Protein backbone atom coordinates (compact mmCIF):
# COMPACT_ATOMS: atom_id res chain seq x y z
CA MET A 1 0.00 0.00 0.00
CA THR A 2 1.42 3.37 -0.97
CA GLN A 3 1.37 6.44 1.25
CA GLU A 4 -1.40 8.12 -0.78
CA GLU A 5 -3.62 5.03 -0.61
CA SER A 6 -3.19 4.90 3.16
CA ARG A 7 -4.31 8.54 3.46
CA THR A 8 -7.56 7.92 1.60
CA ASP A 9 -8.39 4.84 3.66
CA LEU A 10 -11.13 5.53 6.22
CA ASN A 11 -9.22 3.56 8.84
CA SER A 12 -6.13 5.76 8.63
CA LYS A 13 -5.56 8.27 11.41
CA PHE A 14 -5.22 11.09 8.89
CA MET A 15 -8.67 10.51 7.34
CA LYS A 16 -10.33 10.02 10.73
CA THR A 17 -8.89 13.28 11.99
CA LEU A 18 -9.68 15.16 8.79
CA LEU A 19 -13.31 14.02 8.68
CA ILE A 20 -13.86 14.84 12.36
CA VAL A 21 -12.38 18.32 11.89
CA VAL A 22 -14.50 18.93 8.77
CA ALA A 23 -17.64 17.78 10.60
CA ALA A 24 -16.86 20.06 13.56
CA PHE A 25 -16.20 22.98 11.21
CA CYS A 26 -19.53 22.42 9.47
CA ILE A 27 -21.50 22.09 12.71
CA PHE A 28 -19.98 25.13 14.41
CA GLY A 29 -19.45 27.12 11.23
CA GLY A 30 -23.09 26.89 10.14
CA PRO A 31 -24.48 29.28 12.76
CA TYR A 32 -21.45 31.55 12.43
CA LEU A 33 -22.00 31.72 8.66
CA VAL A 34 -25.47 33.14 9.28
CA TYR A 35 -23.95 35.90 11.41
CA VAL A 36 -21.19 36.68 8.90
CA LEU A 37 -23.54 36.81 5.93
CA THR A 38 -26.11 39.02 7.65
CA ALA A 39 -23.93 41.34 9.73
CA ALA A 40 -20.68 41.66 7.82
CA LEU A 41 -21.81 41.20 4.23
CA ASP A 42 -25.31 42.66 4.65
CA SER A 43 -26.96 39.72 2.93
CA SER A 44 -30.58 38.64 3.16
CA PHE A 45 -31.35 36.84 6.40
CA PHE A 46 -33.24 34.05 4.65
CA VAL A 47 -30.38 33.33 2.24
CA ALA A 48 -27.90 33.37 5.13
CA PHE A 49 -30.14 31.13 7.23
CA ALA A 50 -30.52 28.63 4.37
CA ALA A 51 -26.74 28.52 3.83
CA GLY A 52 -26.07 28.11 7.55
CA LEU A 53 -28.69 25.39 7.87
CA ALA A 54 -27.25 23.55 4.88
CA LEU A 55 -23.75 23.66 6.34
CA PHE A 56 -25.01 22.52 9.75
CA THR A 57 -26.93 19.65 8.11
CA VAL A 58 -23.86 18.52 6.19
CA GLY A 59 -21.91 18.43 9.45
CA MET A 60 -24.58 16.41 11.24
CA VAL A 61 -24.86 13.93 8.36
CA LEU A 62 -21.08 13.54 8.38
CA VAL A 63 -21.09 12.89 12.13
CA LEU A 64 -23.83 10.27 11.74
CA TYR A 65 -21.82 8.62 8.96
CA LEU A 66 -18.71 8.55 11.15
CA ILE A 67 -20.65 7.05 14.05
CA ARG A 68 -22.17 4.34 11.88
CA ALA A 69 -18.76 3.55 10.38
CA LYS A 70 -17.47 3.24 13.98
CA VAL A 71 -14.87 5.94 13.44
CA ILE A 72 -16.37 7.83 16.38
CA SER A 73 -17.41 5.65 19.28
């Protein structure tokens, strides 16, 4: 097995860590994205809320996937 193949394997420490960090970023970044889009960029609240909710949902789905794959116990 080459080094690149071992990085893309779900059982490698690198992929486990990367997926957990991405899931945490999506979960915590979703609500913050709503704030940034509405306050800093003066965007529509409904567009910002939809984007934040989508990012939060992606994070939750990723966490559920990691739990079912027994990456997170």
